[in-house]
Amino acid sequence: MVDRRTYSPKSGDIQREWYIVDAEGQTLGRLATQIASVLRGKTKPIYAPHMDTGDFVIVINAEKIHVTGAKETDKFYYRHSGYPGGLRATALRDVRSRFPDRIIRSAVKGMLPRTTLGETQLAKLKVYAGTEHPHGAQQPKPLPL
């Protein structure tokens, strides 16, 4: 008799890796899809959509991310205060000058589930504007893109 039950990973089966990505010269959307896939754990054979099986990702040089077309001036990030007339729009070039890490974080966040599972997966993303990061002790490996 063959056991044909579906495999479901246990929390003890998950081994997390640390990866590092240099965003200099990379296209925003293409990089974000690969990062989201690693954060969700889709690159592993034990992937399960209901569990956090993903790895940690460190992104450096976020300020040097590349966007195509006229997105530098035409792409806007919106937020609303909750009051009438409280919609605020900020262009990508302004976000890049003040908070360059938010560009990549926002793009990856849009590709993750809108649940608490997605929040825990997004917490494993570490984005830094420059080349320095405090995660040297984790010995991150370069992410194969």
Protein backbone atom coordinates (compact mmCIF):
# COMPACT_ATOMS: atom_id res chain seq x y z
CA MET A 1 0.00 0.00 0.00
CA VAL A 2 1.40 3.38 -1.01
CA ASP A 3 0.95 6.37 1.27
CA ARG A 4 -0.52 9.13 -0.95
CA ARG A 5 -1.04 11.86 1.64
CA THR A 6 -0.02 15.38 0.76
CA TYR A 7 3.15 16.51 2.45
CA SER A 8 2.76 19.46 4.79
CA PRO A 9 5.94 20.93 6.28
CA LYS A 10 6.29 21.28 10.04
CA SER A 11 7.83 24.35 11.61
CA GLY A 12 10.90 22.30 12.54
CA ASP A 13 11.48 21.32 8.91
CA ILE A 14 12.03 24.92 7.78
CA GLN A 15 15.65 26.02 7.45
CA ARG A 16 16.03 29.71 6.72
CA GLU A 17 18.87 31.11 4.63
CA TRP A 18 20.10 34.70 4.35
CA TYR A 19 20.57 36.19 0.88
CA ILE A 20 21.98 39.53 -0.20
CA VAL A 21 21.03 41.43 -3.36
CA ASP A 22 22.78 44.44 -4.88
CA ALA A 23 20.02 46.60 -6.42
CA GLU A 24 22.39 48.82 -8.40
CA GLY A 25 21.32 48.80 -12.04
CA GLN A 26 18.47 46.33 -11.44
CA THR A 27 14.96 47.04 -12.75
CA LEU A 28 12.49 47.60 -9.91
CA GLY A 29 9.67 45.24 -10.89
CA ARG A 30 11.88 42.39 -12.06
CA LEU A 31 13.92 42.49 -8.87
CA ALA A 32 10.81 42.75 -6.68
CA THR A 33 9.25 39.61 -8.16
CA GLN A 34 12.33 37.54 -7.44
CA ILE A 35 12.61 38.90 -3.91
CA ALA A 36 8.92 38.19 -3.22
CA SER A 37 9.35 34.64 -4.47
CA VAL A 38 12.24 34.02 -2.07
CA LEU A 39 10.40 35.66 0.86
CA ARG A 40 7.37 33.42 0.30
CA GLY A 41 9.53 30.30 -0.01
CA LYS A 42 8.46 29.42 -3.54
CA THR A 43 12.04 28.56 -4.48
CA LYS A 44 12.09 25.68 -1.97
CA PRO A 45 10.72 22.18 -2.47
CA ILE A 46 8.88 22.34 0.88
CA TYR A 47 6.78 25.40 -0.16
CA ALA A 48 3.33 25.53 1.36
CA PRO A 49 1.03 28.51 0.69
CA HIS A 50 -0.31 28.54 4.25
CA MET A 51 3.11 28.62 5.97
CA ASP A 52 6.05 30.99 6.08
CA THR A 53 8.77 28.83 4.51
CA GLY A 54 10.76 31.71 2.99
CA ASP A 55 14.23 33.05 3.53
CA PHE A 56 15.64 36.40 4.63
CA VAL A 57 16.66 38.90 1.93
CA ILE A 58 19.00 41.88 2.39
CA VAL A 59 18.88 44.53 -0.34
CA ILE A 60 21.73 47.04 -0.59
CA ASN A 61 22.10 50.10 -2.85
CA ALA A 62 18.34 50.68 -2.91
CA GLU A 63 18.89 54.27 -3.96
CA LYS A 64 20.40 53.08 -7.26
CA ILE A 65 17.41 51.00 -8.41
CA HIS A 66 16.46 51.52 -12.05
CA VAL A 67 12.95 52.21 -13.37
CA THR A 68 11.95 52.17 -17.03
CA GLY A 69 10.16 54.81 -19.04
CA ALA A 70 9.00 58.03 -17.38
CA LYS A 71 8.18 56.39 -14.04
CA GLU A 72 10.68 58.63 -12.26
CA THR A 73 8.25 61.55 -12.64
CA ASP A 74 4.95 59.83 -13.52
CA LYS A 75 4.76 57.14 -10.80
CA PHE A 76 3.12 58.30 -7.58
CA TYR A 77 2.77 56.83 -4.09
CA TYR A 78 -0.55 57.70 -2.47
CA ARG A 79 -1.66 57.97 1.15
CA HIS A 80 -4.81 59.33 2.72
CA SER A 81 -5.27 60.97 6.11
CA GLY A 82 -8.87 59.84 6.42
CA TYR A 83 -10.22 63.38 6.26
CA PRO A 84 -11.97 64.92 3.23
CA GLY A 85 -9.37 66.20 0.80
CA GLY A 86 -6.65 64.31 2.65
CA LEU A 87 -5.20 62.46 -0.35
CA ARG A 88 -1.46 63.02 -0.70
CA ALA A 89 0.62 61.96 -3.68
CA THR A 90 4.41 61.74 -3.75
CA ALA A 91 6.39 61.20 -6.96
CA LEU A 92 8.94 58.42 -7.18
CA ARG A 93 11.83 60.89 -7.52
CA ASP A 94 10.83 62.54 -4.21
CA VAL A 95 10.55 59.20 -2.43
CA ARG A 96 13.97 58.21 -3.83
CA SER A 97 15.58 61.34 -2.42
CA ARG A 98 14.05 61.05 1.07
CA PHE A 99 13.36 57.32 1.69
CA PRO A 100 15.02 55.17 -1.01
CA ASP A 101 14.30 51.94 0.87
CA ARG A 102 10.54 52.47 0.61
CA ILE A 103 10.57 52.06 -3.16
CA ILE A 104 11.65 48.42 -3.03
CA ARG A 105 9.68 47.67 0.15
CA SER A 106 6.47 48.99 -1.45
CA ALA A 107 6.98 47.02 -4.67
CA VAL A 108 7.62 43.76 -2.80
CA LYS A 109 4.73 44.38 -0.38
CA GLY A 110 2.33 44.55 -3.32
CA MET A 111 3.39 41.04 -4.37
CA LEU A 112 2.81 39.39 -0.99
CA PRO A 113 -0.48 38.23 0.56
CA ARG A 114 -2.54 40.88 2.34
CA THR A 115 -2.70 38.87 5.56
CA THR A 116 -0.68 38.42 8.72
CA LEU A 117 1.30 35.79 6.81
CA GLY A 118 2.29 38.47 4.31
CA GLU A 119 3.33 40.78 7.14
CA THR A 120 5.64 38.15 8.63
CA GLN A 121 7.13 37.47 5.20
CA LEU A 122 7.71 41.19 4.60
CA ALA A 123 9.44 41.45 7.98
CA LYS A 124 12.19 39.18 6.59
CA LEU A 125 13.06 41.84 3.99
CA LYS A 126 15.88 44.19 5.02
CA VAL A 127 16.46 47.15 2.68
CA TYR A 128 19.36 49.62 2.95
CA ALA A 129 20.05 52.71 0.82
CA GLY A 130 23.84 52.30 0.78
CA THR A 131 26.27 49.41 0.70
CA GLU A 132 26.54 48.93 4.47
CA HIS A 133 24.28 46.58 6.44
CA PRO A 134 24.41 45.19 10.01
CA HIS A 135 23.78 41.53 9.05
CA GLY A 136 27.33 40.34 8.46
CA ALA A 137 27.07 37.79 11.28
CA GLN A 138 24.37 35.91 9.34
CA GLN A 139 26.87 35.33 6.49
CA PRO A 140 24.44 36.12 3.66
CA LYS A 141 24.95 34.46 0.30
CA PRO A 142 24.38 36.27 -3.01
CA LEU A 143 20.88 35.64 -4.34
CA PRO A 144 21.04 33.77 -7.68
CA LEU A 145 19.03 35.99 -10.04
